[in-house]
Amino acid sequence: MAFPGYGAAPGGVAQDPLYGYFSAVAGQDGQISADELQRCLTQSGISGTYKPFSMETCRLMVSMLDRDHSNSMGFNEFKELWQALNGWKSTFMSYDQDRSGTVEGPELQHAFTSMGFNLSPQAMNIIMNRHSFNGRIGFDDFVGCCTKLRALTDQFQRRDTSRTGTASFHYDDVINSVLYRCVVMTSF
């Protein structure tokens, strides 16, 4: 019989096929950092024929789910990320019709809209200026953008309690939440 901390998976997750990927890189603390996530995602092959995820994108993914500000994620957060990654990959592939590994601006706009992100032309212009190469965005940058959009949307929705599309932010809220979450404001 295995006991927690002595080779047993926590909470019966041993049957979960994702636990193998997670546990292969997680330390004794049962958490994975951005560099461990990068190794895990590369070993799992989730990026498919696309390039492996950059360290920047892995940091963003950890940050998106890092609810305790530990710069790491546990298995449940990893499962949540895996689900999001599969959805983003499916969406990306449906708009990468020529299988070039990239999408153009209008395709990106449609992809974001299909995921519920209704961005202004100005916001799309900022994203394209920051992330495109010759007017095209690769899968890694697409995932980085999705991560940032999800994190910003989550933070906004926490403050838009009346669901009117408006929210008040105190200065400290911006510093502690939005800026910490993604360094999104400077990297978009």
N, C-alpha and C. Protein backbone atom coordinates (compact mmCIF):
# COMPACT_ATOMS: atom_id res chain seq x y z
N MET A 1 0.85 -1.18 0.00
CA MET A 1 0.00 0.00 0.00
C MET A 1 0.89 1.24 0.00
N ALA A 2 0.56 2.19 -0.86
CA ALA A 2 1.32 3.44 -0.93
C ALA A 2 0.63 4.51 -0.10
N PHE A 3 1.43 5.36 0.53
CA PHE A 3 0.90 6.43 1.35
C PHE A 3 1.28 7.76 0.72
N PRO A 4 0.41 8.79 0.90
CA PRO A 4 0.74 10.10 0.35
C PRO A 4 2.14 10.53 0.74
N GLY A 5 2.88 11.02 -0.21
CA GLY A 5 4.25 11.45 0.03
C GLY A 5 5.25 10.33 -0.19
N TYR A 6 4.75 9.11 -0.39
CA TYR A 6 5.62 7.96 -0.58
C TYR A 6 5.25 7.24 -1.89
N GLY A 7 5.03 7.99 -2.93
CA GLY A 7 4.78 7.40 -4.24
C GLY A 7 3.32 7.32 -4.64
N ALA A 8 2.42 7.67 -3.77
CA ALA A 8 1.00 7.60 -4.12
C ALA A 8 0.55 8.93 -4.71
N ALA A 9 -0.32 8.83 -5.67
CA ALA A 9 -0.90 10.04 -6.25
C ALA A 9 -1.93 10.60 -5.28
N PRO A 10 -2.01 11.93 -5.15
CA PRO A 10 -2.96 12.53 -4.21
C PRO A 10 -4.40 12.34 -4.67
N GLY A 11 -5.28 12.03 -3.75
CA GLY A 11 -6.71 12.05 -4.00
C GLY A 11 -7.19 11.15 -5.12
N GLY A 12 -6.54 10.03 -5.36
CA GLY A 12 -7.02 9.11 -6.37
C GLY A 12 -6.82 9.56 -7.79
N VAL A 13 -5.88 10.46 -8.04
CA VAL A 13 -5.68 10.94 -9.40
C VAL A 13 -4.80 10.00 -10.22
N ALA A 14 -4.34 8.91 -9.62
CA ALA A 14 -3.46 7.99 -10.33
C ALA A 14 -4.12 7.46 -11.59
N GLN A 15 -5.44 7.35 -11.60
CA GLN A 15 -6.13 6.85 -12.77
C GLN A 15 -6.24 7.91 -13.87
N ASP A 16 -6.01 9.13 -13.56
CA ASP A 16 -6.11 10.20 -14.54
C ASP A 16 -4.88 10.15 -15.44
N PRO A 17 -5.07 9.99 -16.76
CA PRO A 17 -3.92 9.87 -17.66
C PRO A 17 -3.02 11.11 -17.66
N LEU A 18 -3.55 12.26 -17.31
CA LEU A 18 -2.75 13.48 -17.27
C LEU A 18 -1.78 13.48 -16.11
N TYR A 19 -2.08 12.70 -15.08
CA TYR A 19 -1.22 12.70 -13.90
C TYR A 19 0.19 12.22 -14.24
N GLY A 20 0.32 11.33 -15.20
CA GLY A 20 1.64 10.85 -15.61
C GLY A 20 2.50 11.97 -16.14
N TYR A 21 1.93 12.81 -17.00
CA TYR A 21 2.67 13.96 -17.53
C TYR A 21 3.07 14.90 -16.40
N PHE A 22 2.09 15.18 -15.53
CA PHE A 22 2.30 16.11 -14.43
C PHE A 22 3.37 15.60 -13.47
N SER A 23 3.22 14.36 -13.02
CA SER A 23 4.12 13.83 -12.00
C SER A 23 5.54 13.62 -12.52
N ALA A 24 5.69 13.49 -13.83
CA ALA A 24 7.03 13.30 -14.40
C ALA A 24 7.91 14.53 -14.20
N VAL A 25 7.31 15.70 -14.01
CA VAL A 25 8.10 16.92 -13.86
C VAL A 25 7.87 17.62 -12.53
N ALA A 26 6.79 17.28 -11.82
CA ALA A 26 6.50 17.95 -10.55
C ALA A 26 7.52 17.57 -9.49
N GLY A 27 7.87 18.53 -8.69
CA GLY A 27 8.79 18.27 -7.58
C GLY A 27 8.06 17.62 -6.42
N GLN A 28 8.76 17.47 -5.32
CA GLN A 28 8.16 16.87 -4.14
C GLN A 28 7.02 17.69 -3.57
N ASP A 29 6.98 18.96 -3.92
CA ASP A 29 5.90 19.82 -3.44
C ASP A 29 4.60 19.60 -4.20
N GLY A 30 4.62 18.77 -5.25
CA GLY A 30 3.41 18.50 -6.02
C GLY A 30 2.98 19.67 -6.87
N GLN A 31 3.90 20.54 -7.21
CA GLN A 31 3.64 21.72 -8.02
C GLN A 31 4.58 21.73 -9.21
N ILE A 32 4.19 22.45 -10.27
CA ILE A 32 5.10 22.63 -11.38
C ILE A 32 5.27 24.11 -11.68
N SER A 33 6.49 24.47 -11.97
CA SER A 33 6.84 25.84 -12.30
C SER A 33 6.76 26.01 -13.82
N ALA A 34 7.05 27.20 -14.29
CA ALA A 34 6.97 27.48 -15.74
C ALA A 34 7.95 26.61 -16.52
N ASP A 35 9.18 26.45 -16.03
CA ASP A 35 10.13 25.62 -16.79
C ASP A 35 9.74 24.16 -16.75
N GLU A 36 9.17 23.71 -15.64
CA GLU A 36 8.67 22.33 -15.58
C GLU A 36 7.46 22.16 -16.49
N LEU A 37 6.61 23.18 -16.55
CA LEU A 37 5.46 23.12 -17.45
C LEU A 37 5.92 23.03 -18.89
N GLN A 38 6.93 23.80 -19.25
CA GLN A 38 7.45 23.76 -20.61
C GLN A 38 7.92 22.33 -20.96
N ARG A 39 8.66 21.72 -20.05
CA ARG A 39 9.12 20.34 -20.28
C ARG A 39 7.94 19.38 -20.40
N CYS A 40 6.98 19.53 -19.50
CA CYS A 40 5.81 18.66 -19.48
C CYS A 40 5.02 18.76 -20.79
N LEU A 41 4.77 19.98 -21.23
CA LEU A 41 3.99 20.17 -22.46
C LEU A 41 4.76 19.68 -23.68
N THR A 42 6.07 19.85 -23.67
CA THR A 42 6.89 19.36 -24.78
C THR A 42 6.85 17.83 -24.81
N GLN A 43 7.03 17.20 -23.65
CA GLN A 43 7.02 15.74 -23.58
C GLN A 43 5.66 15.17 -23.93
N SER A 44 4.60 15.88 -23.60
CA SER A 44 3.24 15.38 -23.86
C SER A 44 2.88 15.47 -25.34
N GLY A 45 3.54 16.36 -26.06
CA GLY A 45 3.24 16.54 -27.47
C GLY A 45 1.97 17.33 -27.74
N ILE A 46 1.46 18.05 -26.75
CA ILE A 46 0.20 18.78 -26.94
C ILE A 46 0.31 19.85 -28.02
N SER A 47 1.52 20.34 -28.26
CA SER A 47 1.65 21.36 -29.31
C SER A 47 1.62 20.74 -30.70
N GLY A 48 1.57 19.42 -30.76
CA GLY A 48 1.45 18.74 -32.05
C GLY A 48 2.61 19.07 -32.96
N THR A 49 2.29 19.45 -34.18
CA THR A 49 3.33 19.77 -35.16
C THR A 49 3.84 21.20 -35.02
N TYR A 50 3.24 21.96 -34.10
CA TYR A 50 3.69 23.32 -33.87
C TYR A 50 4.93 23.31 -32.99
N LYS A 51 5.65 24.43 -32.98
CA LYS A 51 6.84 24.56 -32.13
C LYS A 51 6.47 24.38 -30.67
N PRO A 52 7.42 23.90 -29.84
CA PRO A 52 7.16 23.84 -28.40
C PRO A 52 6.88 25.23 -27.84
N PHE A 53 6.20 25.29 -26.73
CA PHE A 53 5.85 26.57 -26.12
C PHE A 53 7.09 27.27 -25.58
N SER A 54 7.12 28.58 -25.76
CA SER A 54 8.23 29.39 -25.25
C SER A 54 8.11 29.52 -23.74
N MET A 55 9.21 29.90 -23.11
CA MET A 55 9.19 30.11 -21.66
C MET A 55 8.23 31.24 -21.30
N GLU A 56 8.16 32.28 -22.12
CA GLU A 56 7.23 33.38 -21.85
C GLU A 56 5.79 32.88 -21.80
N THR A 57 5.41 32.06 -22.78
CA THR A 57 4.05 31.54 -22.82
C THR A 57 3.80 30.63 -21.62
N CYS A 58 4.77 29.83 -21.25
CA CYS A 58 4.60 28.95 -20.08
C CYS A 58 4.43 29.77 -18.80
N ARG A 59 5.18 30.86 -18.67
CA ARG A 59 5.02 31.73 -17.50
C ARG A 59 3.61 32.32 -17.47
N LEU A 60 3.12 32.72 -18.63
CA LEU A 60 1.77 33.28 -18.69
C LEU A 60 0.72 32.24 -18.31
N MET A 61 0.91 31.00 -18.77
CA MET A 61 -0.06 29.95 -18.45
C MET A 61 -0.07 29.66 -16.94
N VAL A 62 1.10 29.61 -16.33
CA VAL A 62 1.17 29.40 -14.88
C VAL A 62 0.51 30.57 -14.18
N SER A 63 0.82 31.78 -14.59
CA SER A 63 0.28 32.97 -13.97
C SER A 63 -1.24 33.01 -14.05
N MET A 64 -1.79 32.58 -15.18
CA MET A 64 -3.23 32.60 -15.38
C MET A 64 -3.95 31.78 -14.30
N LEU A 65 -3.33 30.69 -13.85
CA LEU A 65 -3.98 29.79 -12.91
C LEU A 65 -3.37 29.84 -11.51
N ASP A 66 -2.43 30.71 -11.29
CA ASP A 66 -1.70 30.79 -10.02
C ASP A 66 -2.51 31.60 -9.02
N ARG A 67 -3.47 30.96 -8.40
CA ARG A 67 -4.38 31.66 -7.50
C ARG A 67 -3.75 32.01 -6.16
N ASP A 68 -2.68 31.29 -5.78
CA ASP A 68 -2.04 31.57 -4.50
C ASP A 68 -0.73 32.35 -4.66
N HIS A 69 -0.43 32.82 -5.87
CA HIS A 69 0.75 33.62 -6.18
C HIS A 69 2.06 32.90 -5.82
N SER A 70 2.11 31.59 -6.05
CA SER A 70 3.30 30.80 -5.74
C SER A 70 4.20 30.60 -6.96
N ASN A 71 3.81 31.12 -8.09
CA ASN A 71 4.54 30.93 -9.36
C ASN A 71 4.62 29.46 -9.76
N SER A 72 3.60 28.70 -9.40
CA SER A 72 3.54 27.29 -9.76
C SER A 72 2.07 26.87 -9.81
N MET A 73 1.84 25.64 -10.30
CA MET A 73 0.46 25.14 -10.34
C MET A 73 0.43 23.69 -9.86
N GLY A 74 -0.67 23.35 -9.22
CA GLY A 74 -0.89 21.98 -8.78
C GLY A 74 -1.59 21.19 -9.88
N PHE A 75 -1.90 19.95 -9.57
CA PHE A 75 -2.47 19.06 -10.58
C PHE A 75 -3.84 19.54 -11.07
N ASN A 76 -4.70 20.03 -10.18
CA ASN A 76 -6.02 20.49 -10.63
C ASN A 76 -5.91 21.68 -11.58
N GLU A 77 -4.99 22.59 -11.30
CA GLU A 77 -4.77 23.71 -12.21
C GLU A 77 -4.20 23.22 -13.53
N PHE A 78 -3.32 22.24 -13.46
CA PHE A 78 -2.76 21.66 -14.67
C PHE A 78 -3.85 21.04 -15.54
N LYS A 79 -4.79 20.34 -14.92
CA LYS A 79 -5.91 19.77 -15.68
C LYS A 79 -6.76 20.87 -16.33
N GLU A 80 -6.97 21.95 -15.59
CA GLU A 80 -7.72 23.08 -16.14
C GLU A 80 -6.99 23.68 -17.34
N LEU A 81 -5.67 23.81 -17.20
CA LEU A 81 -4.87 24.34 -18.31
C LEU A 81 -4.93 23.39 -19.50
N TRP A 82 -4.81 22.11 -19.26
CA TRP A 82 -4.84 21.12 -20.34
C TRP A 82 -6.13 21.25 -21.15
N GLN A 83 -7.24 21.40 -20.44
CA GLN A 83 -8.53 21.55 -21.10
C GLN A 83 -8.55 22.82 -21.95
N ALA A 84 -8.06 23.91 -21.38
CA ALA A 84 -8.01 25.17 -22.13
C ALA A 84 -7.11 25.04 -23.35
N LEU A 85 -5.94 24.42 -23.18
CA LEU A 85 -5.01 24.25 -24.31
C LEU A 85 -5.63 23.44 -25.44
N ASN A 86 -6.34 22.40 -25.08
CA ASN A 86 -6.99 21.59 -26.12
C ASN A 86 -8.04 22.40 -26.88
N GLY A 87 -8.79 23.22 -26.15
CA GLY A 87 -9.77 24.09 -26.81
C GLY A 87 -9.11 25.11 -27.72
N TRP A 88 -8.03 25.73 -27.23
CA TRP A 88 -7.32 26.73 -28.03
C TRP A 88 -6.69 26.08 -29.26
N LYS A 89 -6.15 24.90 -29.08
CA LYS A 89 -5.53 24.20 -30.22
C LYS A 89 -6.57 23.87 -31.27
N SER A 90 -7.71 23.40 -30.84
CA SER A 90 -8.79 23.08 -31.77
C SER A 90 -9.24 24.32 -32.54
N THR A 91 -9.40 25.41 -31.82
CA THR A 91 -9.80 26.66 -32.47
C THR A 91 -8.73 27.12 -33.45
N PHE A 92 -7.48 27.11 -33.03
CA PHE A 92 -6.39 27.54 -33.90
C PHE A 92 -6.35 26.70 -35.18
N MET A 93 -6.46 25.39 -35.02
CA MET A 93 -6.40 24.50 -36.18
C MET A 93 -7.55 24.75 -37.14
N SER A 94 -8.70 25.12 -36.61
CA SER A 94 -9.84 25.35 -37.50
C SER A 94 -9.67 26.63 -38.32
N TYR A 95 -8.85 27.57 -37.84
CA TYR A 95 -8.61 28.80 -38.59
C TYR A 95 -7.30 28.76 -39.38
N ASP A 96 -6.44 27.82 -39.08
CA ASP A 96 -5.20 27.61 -39.83
C ASP A 96 -5.49 26.64 -40.97
N GLN A 97 -6.31 27.08 -41.90
CA GLN A 97 -6.80 26.19 -42.94
C GLN A 97 -5.74 25.74 -43.92
N ASP A 98 -4.71 26.55 -44.10
CA ASP A 98 -3.64 26.15 -45.03
C ASP A 98 -2.56 25.32 -44.32
N ARG A 99 -2.76 25.05 -43.02
CA ARG A 99 -1.85 24.26 -42.20
C ARG A 99 -0.42 24.80 -42.21
N SER A 100 -0.32 26.12 -42.23
CA SER A 100 0.99 26.78 -42.22
C SER A 100 1.55 26.91 -40.81
N GLY A 101 0.71 26.66 -39.80
CA GLY A 101 1.13 26.86 -38.42
C GLY A 101 0.93 28.28 -37.95
N THR A 102 0.24 29.08 -38.78
CA THR A 102 -0.01 30.48 -38.44
C THR A 102 -1.42 30.87 -38.87
N VAL A 103 -1.90 31.97 -38.30
CA VAL A 103 -3.17 32.56 -38.74
C VAL A 103 -2.92 34.04 -39.02
N GLU A 104 -3.70 34.57 -39.94
CA GLU A 104 -3.62 36.00 -40.27
C GLU A 104 -4.57 36.78 -39.38
N GLY A 105 -4.44 38.10 -39.41
CA GLY A 105 -5.24 38.98 -38.57
C GLY A 105 -6.73 38.73 -38.62
N PRO A 106 -7.36 38.70 -39.81
CA PRO A 106 -8.80 38.46 -39.86
C PRO A 106 -9.19 37.09 -39.29
N GLU A 107 -8.36 36.07 -39.54
CA GLU A 107 -8.63 34.74 -38.99
C GLU A 107 -8.52 34.78 -37.47
N LEU A 108 -7.53 35.52 -36.98
CA LEU A 108 -7.35 35.65 -35.54
C LEU A 108 -8.55 36.34 -34.91
N GLN A 109 -9.03 37.38 -35.55
CA GLN A 109 -10.22 38.09 -35.05
C GLN A 109 -11.41 37.13 -34.96
N HIS A 110 -11.62 36.33 -35.99
CA HIS A 110 -12.72 35.35 -35.99
C HIS A 110 -12.51 34.30 -34.90
N ALA A 111 -11.27 33.85 -34.73
CA ALA A 111 -10.98 32.86 -33.70
C ALA A 111 -11.31 33.42 -32.32
N PHE A 112 -10.86 34.65 -32.05
CA PHE A 112 -11.14 35.26 -30.75
C PHE A 112 -12.65 35.43 -30.55
N THR A 113 -13.34 35.88 -31.58
CA THR A 113 -14.78 36.07 -31.48
C THR A 113 -15.47 34.75 -31.19
N SER A 114 -15.02 33.67 -31.85
CA SER A 114 -15.64 32.36 -31.61
C SER A 114 -15.45 31.88 -30.18
N MET A 115 -14.42 32.41 -29.50
CA MET A 115 -14.17 32.04 -28.11
C MET A 115 -14.82 33.02 -27.13
N GLY A 116 -15.54 34.01 -27.65
CA GLY A 116 -16.24 34.96 -26.80
C GLY A 116 -15.48 36.24 -26.49
N PHE A 117 -14.33 36.44 -27.13
CA PHE A 117 -13.57 37.67 -26.93
C PHE A 117 -13.88 38.63 -28.07
N ASN A 118 -14.70 39.63 -27.80
CA ASN A 118 -15.08 40.60 -28.83
C ASN A 118 -14.17 41.81 -28.70
N LEU A 119 -13.12 41.82 -29.49
CA LEU A 119 -12.10 42.86 -29.39
C LEU A 119 -12.31 43.95 -30.42
N SER A 120 -12.00 45.15 -30.02
CA SER A 120 -12.10 46.29 -30.92
C SER A 120 -11.00 46.20 -31.98
N PRO A 121 -11.18 46.91 -33.08
CA PRO A 121 -10.11 46.94 -34.09
C PRO A 121 -8.79 47.47 -33.51
N GLN A 122 -8.88 48.42 -32.57
CA GLN A 122 -7.67 48.95 -31.94
C GLN A 122 -6.95 47.87 -31.14
N ALA A 123 -7.71 47.07 -30.39
CA ALA A 123 -7.10 45.99 -29.60
C ALA A 123 -6.48 44.95 -30.54
N MET A 124 -7.16 44.62 -31.61
CA MET A 124 -6.60 43.66 -32.57
C MET A 124 -5.33 44.20 -33.21
N ASN A 125 -5.32 45.48 -33.48
CA ASN A 125 -4.13 46.11 -34.05
C ASN A 125 -2.94 46.01 -33.09
N ILE A 126 -3.19 46.24 -31.81
CA ILE A 126 -2.13 46.13 -30.80
C ILE A 126 -1.60 44.70 -30.77
N ILE A 127 -2.50 43.73 -30.75
CA ILE A 127 -2.10 42.32 -30.72
C ILE A 127 -1.28 41.97 -31.96
N MET A 128 -1.75 42.39 -33.12
CA MET A 128 -1.02 42.07 -34.36
C MET A 128 0.35 42.75 -34.37
N ASN A 129 0.42 44.00 -33.93
CA ASN A 129 1.72 44.69 -33.89
C ASN A 129 2.69 44.02 -32.95
N ARG A 130 2.19 43.50 -31.85
CA ARG A 130 3.05 42.88 -30.83
C ARG A 130 3.45 41.45 -31.20
N HIS A 131 2.54 40.68 -31.78
CA HIS A 131 2.75 39.24 -31.90
C HIS A 131 2.94 38.71 -33.31
N SER A 132 2.62 39.49 -34.33
CA SER A 132 2.67 38.91 -35.67
C SER A 132 4.07 39.02 -36.28
N PHE A 133 4.31 38.11 -37.17
CA PHE A 133 5.51 38.14 -38.00
C PHE A 133 5.03 38.06 -39.43
N ASN A 134 5.27 39.13 -40.19
CA ASN A 134 4.75 39.24 -41.56
C ASN A 134 3.23 39.06 -41.61
N GLY A 135 2.54 39.63 -40.62
CA GLY A 135 1.08 39.61 -40.61
C GLY A 135 0.48 38.29 -40.17
N ARG A 136 1.28 37.39 -39.62
CA ARG A 136 0.78 36.08 -39.22
C ARG A 136 1.21 35.79 -37.77
N ILE A 137 0.37 35.07 -37.06
CA ILE A 137 0.64 34.71 -35.67
C ILE A 137 0.70 33.19 -35.56
N GLY A 138 1.77 32.70 -34.92
CA GLY A 138 1.94 31.27 -34.71
C GLY A 138 1.17 30.78 -33.49
N PHE A 139 1.17 29.47 -33.33
CA PHE A 139 0.40 28.84 -32.26
C PHE A 139 0.86 29.28 -30.87
N ASP A 140 2.16 29.36 -30.64
CA ASP A 140 2.68 29.78 -29.35
C ASP A 140 2.17 31.17 -28.98
N ASP A 141 2.25 32.11 -29.90
CA ASP A 141 1.77 33.47 -29.62
C ASP A 141 0.25 33.49 -29.49
N PHE A 142 -0.43 32.64 -30.25
CA PHE A 142 -1.89 32.53 -30.13
C PHE A 142 -2.26 32.10 -28.71
N VAL A 143 -1.58 31.08 -28.20
CA VAL A 143 -1.85 30.61 -26.84
C VAL A 143 -1.50 31.70 -25.83
N GLY A 144 -0.41 32.42 -26.06
CA GLY A 144 -0.06 33.54 -25.18
C GLY A 144 -1.16 34.59 -25.16
N CYS A 145 -1.69 34.92 -26.31
CA CYS A 145 -2.78 35.90 -26.39
C CYS A 145 -4.03 35.38 -25.69
N CYS A 146 -4.38 34.12 -25.93
CA CYS A 146 -5.55 33.54 -25.28
C CYS A 146 -5.40 33.55 -23.76
N THR A 147 -4.20 33.24 -23.30
CA THR A 147 -3.92 33.24 -21.87
C THR A 147 -4.12 34.64 -21.29
N LYS A 148 -3.59 35.63 -21.97
CA LYS A 148 -3.72 37.01 -21.49
C LYS A 148 -5.17 37.46 -21.50
N LEU A 149 -5.87 37.15 -22.59
CA LEU A 149 -7.27 37.55 -22.68
C LEU A 149 -8.11 36.88 -21.60
N ARG A 150 -7.86 35.60 -21.36
CA ARG A 150 -8.62 34.90 -20.32
C ARG A 150 -8.33 35.49 -18.96
N ALA A 151 -7.06 35.74 -18.65
CA ALA A 151 -6.70 36.29 -17.35
C ALA A 151 -7.31 37.68 -17.15
N LEU A 152 -7.23 38.52 -18.17
CA LEU A 152 -7.81 39.86 -18.06
C LEU A 152 -9.33 39.79 -17.92
N THR A 153 -9.94 38.91 -18.69
CA THR A 153 -11.40 38.75 -18.62
C THR A 153 -11.82 38.25 -17.25
N ASP A 154 -11.11 37.26 -16.73
CA ASP A 154 -11.42 36.74 -15.39
C ASP A 154 -11.32 37.84 -14.34
N GLN A 155 -10.25 38.63 -14.41
CA GLN A 155 -10.07 39.71 -13.44
C GLN A 155 -11.18 40.76 -13.57
N PHE A 156 -11.54 41.08 -14.80
CA PHE A 156 -12.59 42.07 -15.01
C PHE A 156 -13.93 41.55 -14.49
N GLN A 157 -14.25 40.29 -14.81
CA GLN A 157 -15.54 39.74 -14.39
C GLN A 157 -15.67 39.66 -12.88
N ARG A 158 -14.57 39.49 -12.17
CA ARG A 158 -14.63 39.49 -10.71
C ARG A 158 -15.07 40.85 -10.17
N ARG A 159 -14.78 41.89 -10.91
CA ARG A 159 -15.12 43.24 -10.46
C ARG A 159 -16.41 43.77 -11.07
N ASP A 160 -16.86 43.17 -12.14
CA ASP A 160 -18.11 43.56 -12.78
C ASP A 160 -19.24 42.72 -12.19
N THR A 161 -19.51 42.94 -10.92
CA THR A 161 -20.46 42.09 -10.20
C THR A 161 -21.88 42.23 -10.71
N SER A 162 -22.24 43.35 -11.29
CA SER A 162 -23.59 43.53 -11.81
C SER A 162 -23.72 43.07 -13.26
N ARG A 163 -22.61 42.64 -13.86
CA ARG A 163 -22.57 42.14 -15.25
C ARG A 163 -23.10 43.16 -16.26
N THR A 164 -22.64 44.40 -16.09
CA THR A 164 -23.05 45.47 -16.99
C THR A 164 -21.98 45.82 -18.02
N GLY A 165 -20.80 45.22 -17.87
CA GLY A 165 -19.71 45.55 -18.77
C GLY A 165 -18.87 46.72 -18.27
N THR A 166 -19.12 47.13 -17.04
CA THR A 166 -18.32 48.19 -16.44
C THR A 166 -17.89 47.74 -15.04
N ALA A 167 -16.77 48.26 -14.61
CA ALA A 167 -16.28 47.92 -13.28
C ALA A 167 -15.43 49.06 -12.76
N SER A 168 -15.41 49.19 -11.46
CA SER A 168 -14.54 50.17 -10.82
C SER A 168 -13.32 49.46 -10.29
N PHE A 169 -12.19 50.09 -10.50
CA PHE A 169 -10.93 49.54 -10.01
C PHE A 169 -10.27 50.57 -9.12
N HIS A 170 -9.85 50.13 -7.97
CA HIS A 170 -9.00 50.96 -7.13
C HIS A 170 -7.58 50.74 -7.60
N TYR A 171 -6.75 51.70 -7.36
CA TYR A 171 -5.35 51.61 -7.78
C TYR A 171 -4.71 50.32 -7.29
N ASP A 172 -4.93 49.99 -6.04
CA ASP A 172 -4.34 48.79 -5.46
C ASP A 172 -4.84 47.52 -6.16
N ASP A 173 -6.11 47.52 -6.60
CA ASP A 173 -6.64 46.38 -7.36
C ASP A 173 -5.86 46.16 -8.64
N VAL A 174 -5.57 47.24 -9.32
CA VAL A 174 -4.83 47.13 -10.58
C VAL A 174 -3.44 46.57 -10.33
N ILE A 175 -2.78 47.10 -9.34
CA ILE A 175 -1.42 46.64 -9.04
C ILE A 175 -1.44 45.18 -8.61
N ASN A 176 -2.31 44.82 -7.67
CA ASN A 176 -2.31 43.47 -7.12
C ASN A 176 -2.91 42.43 -8.04
N SER A 177 -3.79 42.79 -8.90
CA SER A 177 -4.47 41.80 -9.71
C SER A 177 -4.04 41.83 -11.17
N VAL A 178 -4.43 42.86 -11.85
CA VAL A 178 -4.24 42.89 -13.29
C VAL A 178 -2.77 42.87 -13.66
N LEU A 179 -1.97 43.75 -13.09
CA LEU A 179 -0.56 43.79 -13.46
C LEU A 179 0.18 42.54 -13.01
N TYR A 180 -0.10 42.06 -11.81
CA TYR A 180 0.59 40.86 -11.33
C TYR A 180 0.24 39.67 -12.20
N ARG A 181 -1.03 39.51 -12.53
CA ARG A 181 -1.51 38.33 -13.21
C ARG A 181 -0.73 38.03 -14.47
N CYS A 182 -0.43 38.99 -15.24
CA CYS A 182 0.11 38.65 -16.55
C CYS A 182 1.26 39.48 -17.02
N VAL A 183 1.61 40.48 -16.36
CA VAL A 183 2.51 41.41 -16.97
C VAL A 183 1.92 41.67 -18.36
N VAL A 184 0.60 41.48 -18.40
CA VAL A 184 -0.12 41.55 -19.65
C VAL A 184 -0.12 42.95 -20.21
N MET A 185 -0.23 43.88 -19.34
CA MET A 185 -0.37 45.25 -19.82
C MET A 185 0.85 45.68 -20.63
N THR A 186 2.03 45.20 -20.27
CA THR A 186 3.20 45.61 -21.02
C THR A 186 3.53 44.68 -22.16
N SER A 187 3.05 43.44 -22.11
CA SER A 187 3.46 42.51 -23.15
C SER A 187 2.42 42.34 -24.24
N PHE A 188 1.24 42.93 -24.10
CA PHE A 188 0.27 42.88 -25.19
C PHE A 188 0.73 43.92 -26.14
